[in-house]
């Protein structure tokens, strides 16, 4: 699998950088696919999530209270972004402190555990894999943080 980290300029701002992932030769990022899958069904929640992303990038940074933490394995940074805790639409992402998030995919959570829903499990486990590859690239110094700590720099293309 080949993937590329791409910055989402419409959400990135002075407080945080927002990225998503292009997989192989897909025309859409994981975040774009998430939007397309939920358009017309969950428009209000999508609007709230995109408003929250703009807020994160431009005004507040990626505050912990915006996310449900520990949606992956210990230390991988996987969390879920949602418009409010009582809503069911989840967007999985990798949170790097308050200054950077990498958006994956997600879906509607109607089950107790994400492992009970094949779609959520697939989206979550894909992001766990990507998080592991990003961590390895940072350790190997193929990827690094900008001097202000908000942007990823270096080789943003991964081939496995």
Protein backbone atom coordinates (compact mmCIF):
# COMPACT_ATOMS: atom_id res chain seq x y z
CA UNK A 1 0.00 0.00 0.00
CA UNK A 2 1.13 3.51 -0.83
CA UNK A 3 -0.16 6.55 1.02
CA UNK A 4 0.57 10.26 1.19
CA UNK A 5 -0.03 12.79 3.94
CA UNK A 6 -1.64 15.92 2.48
CA UNK A 7 -2.38 19.19 4.24
CA UNK A 8 -5.97 20.44 4.14
CA UNK A 9 -5.43 24.16 3.62
CA UNK A 10 -9.07 25.07 4.27
CA UNK A 11 -8.74 23.85 7.88
CA UNK A 12 -5.08 24.51 8.69
CA UNK A 13 -4.33 27.83 10.31
CA UNK A 14 -2.28 29.66 12.89
CA UNK A 15 -3.29 27.35 15.76
CA UNK A 16 -3.01 23.89 14.19
CA UNK A 17 -2.32 22.01 10.99
CA UNK A 18 -4.88 19.59 9.63
CA UNK A 19 -3.93 16.74 7.28
CA UNK A 20 -5.59 13.76 5.67
CA UNK A 21 -4.35 10.70 3.78
CA UNK A 22 -4.40 9.75 0.12
CA UNK A 23 -4.32 5.96 -0.30
CA UNK A 24 -2.78 4.44 -3.43
CA UNK A 25 -4.26 6.10 -6.51
CA UNK A 26 -7.61 7.12 -5.01
CA UNK A 27 -8.89 10.49 -6.19
CA UNK A 28 -10.14 11.41 -2.71
CA UNK A 29 -8.48 11.60 0.69
CA UNK A 30 -9.83 9.51 3.54
CA UNK A 31 -11.53 12.64 4.89
CA UNK A 32 -13.11 13.43 1.50
CA UNK A 33 -14.42 9.85 1.35
CA UNK A 34 -15.86 10.25 4.86
CA UNK A 35 -17.69 13.40 3.73
CA UNK A 36 -19.06 11.72 0.57
CA UNK A 37 -20.24 8.64 2.49
CA UNK A 38 -22.21 10.74 4.98
CA UNK A 39 -23.52 13.60 2.80
CA UNK A 40 -27.28 13.75 2.61
CA UNK A 41 -27.59 11.43 5.62
CA UNK A 42 -25.77 13.26 8.40
CA UNK A 43 -25.48 16.80 7.04
CA UNK A 44 -25.92 18.52 10.40
CA UNK A 45 -23.18 16.44 12.04
CA UNK A 46 -20.87 16.91 9.03
CA UNK A 47 -21.40 20.67 9.26
CA UNK A 48 -20.56 20.61 12.94
CA UNK A 49 -17.43 18.51 12.34
CA UNK A 50 -16.15 20.78 9.57
CA UNK A 51 -16.92 23.86 11.70
CA UNK A 52 -14.95 22.23 14.53
CA UNK A 53 -12.01 21.58 12.17
CA UNK A 54 -11.96 25.24 11.12
CA UNK A 55 -12.07 26.25 14.78
CA UNK A 56 -9.19 23.90 15.59
CA UNK A 57 -6.98 25.21 12.80
CA UNK A 58 -7.69 28.90 13.16
CA UNK A 59 -8.78 29.67 16.73
CA UNK A 60 -8.29 27.04 19.42
CA UNK A 61 -5.88 24.33 18.35
CA UNK A 62 -6.73 20.64 18.84
CA UNK A 63 -8.05 20.83 22.39
CA UNK A 64 -8.40 17.53 24.18
CA UNK A 65 -12.10 18.06 24.95
CA UNK A 66 -12.91 17.98 21.21
CA UNK A 67 -11.85 14.33 20.97
CA UNK A 68 -12.64 10.94 22.42
CA UNK A 69 -9.15 9.64 23.25
CA UNK A 70 -7.77 6.10 23.28
CA UNK A 71 -9.57 4.81 20.20
CA UNK A 72 -6.49 2.85 19.15
CA UNK A 73 -3.59 1.23 20.95
CA UNK A 74 -1.47 2.79 23.65
CA UNK A 75 0.55 5.72 22.32
CA UNK A 76 -0.70 5.77 18.72
CA UNK A 77 -2.70 8.99 19.16
CA UNK A 78 -5.86 7.59 17.58
CA UNK A 79 -8.97 9.42 18.74
CA UNK A 80 -12.45 10.21 17.49
CA UNK A 81 -13.68 13.68 16.60
CA UNK A 82 -17.41 14.24 16.81
CA UNK A 83 -19.72 17.22 16.95
CA UNK A 84 -21.11 16.32 20.40
CA UNK A 85 -20.86 13.23 22.64
CA UNK A 86 -24.52 12.27 22.14
CA UNK A 87 -24.16 12.06 18.35
CA UNK A 88 -23.18 8.87 16.53
CA UNK A 89 -21.00 10.10 13.64
CA UNK A 90 -17.31 9.53 14.34
CA UNK A 91 -14.26 10.75 12.43
CA UNK A 92 -11.09 8.91 13.39
CA UNK A 93 -7.89 10.91 13.48
CA UNK A 94 -4.37 10.97 14.85
CA UNK A 95 -3.86 13.82 17.29
CA UNK A 96 -0.38 15.21 17.85
CA UNK A 97 -0.86 17.47 20.84
CA UNK A 98 -2.77 20.69 20.27
CA UNK A 99 -1.02 21.63 17.03
CA UNK A 100 -1.61 18.86 14.48
CA UNK A 101 -4.22 16.30 13.50
CA UNK A 102 -4.29 13.76 10.67
CA UNK A 103 -7.82 12.90 9.58
CA UNK A 104 -8.80 9.41 8.55
CA UNK A 105 -12.24 8.02 7.87
CA UNK A 106 -15.05 6.90 10.10
CA UNK A 107 -18.75 6.40 10.16
CA UNK A 108 -21.78 6.00 12.36
CA UNK A 109 -21.22 4.21 15.64
CA UNK A 110 -24.33 2.25 16.57
CA UNK A 111 -22.48 -0.46 18.49
CA UNK A 112 -20.84 -0.64 21.90
CA UNK A 113 -17.34 -1.32 20.57
CA UNK A 114 -15.91 -0.31 17.19
CA UNK A 115 -14.78 -3.92 16.67
CA UNK A 116 -18.47 -4.87 16.43
CA UNK A 117 -18.86 -2.80 13.25
CA UNK A 118 -16.80 -3.89 10.24
CA UNK A 119 -16.70 -0.40 8.66
CA UNK A 120 -15.52 1.33 11.85
CA UNK A 121 -13.03 -1.43 12.56
CA UNK A 122 -11.55 -1.16 9.04
CA UNK A 123 -11.27 2.64 9.24
CA UNK A 124 -9.74 2.55 12.72
CA UNK A 125 -7.22 -0.21 12.00
CA UNK A 126 -6.11 1.53 8.80
CA UNK A 127 -5.36 4.67 10.82
CA UNK A 128 -3.48 2.60 13.42
CA UNK A 129 -1.27 1.28 10.61
CA UNK A 130 -0.71 4.80 9.26
CA UNK A 131 0.10 6.12 12.74
CA UNK A 132 2.72 3.40 13.15
CA UNK A 133 4.32 4.32 9.80
CA UNK A 134 4.35 8.05 10.68
CA UNK A 135 5.96 7.29 14.05
CA UNK A 136 8.65 5.20 12.33
CA UNK A 137 9.31 7.99 9.82
CA UNK A 138 9.69 10.54 12.63
CA UNK A 139 12.08 8.22 14.50
CA UNK A 140 14.10 7.71 11.29
CA UNK A 141 14.03 11.48 10.66
CA UNK A 142 12.40 11.02 7.26
CA UNK A 143 9.59 13.13 8.71
CA UNK A 144 10.04 15.93 11.24
CA UNK A 145 8.23 18.82 12.86
CA UNK A 146 8.60 22.37 11.58
CA UNK A 147 10.38 24.85 13.84
CA UNK A 148 7.03 26.08 15.22
CA UNK A 149 5.94 22.48 15.91
CA UNK A 150 2.74 22.78 13.85
CA UNK A 151 3.61 21.24 10.50
CA UNK A 152 5.02 17.96 9.31
CA UNK A 153 7.98 18.28 6.95
CA UNK A 154 9.96 15.81 4.93
CA UNK A 155 8.93 12.78 2.92
CA UNK A 156 5.13 12.64 3.08
CA UNK A 157 4.87 9.64 0.73
CA UNK A 158 4.95 6.13 2.21
CA UNK A 159 5.23 2.85 0.34
CA UNK A 160 4.87 -0.50 2.05
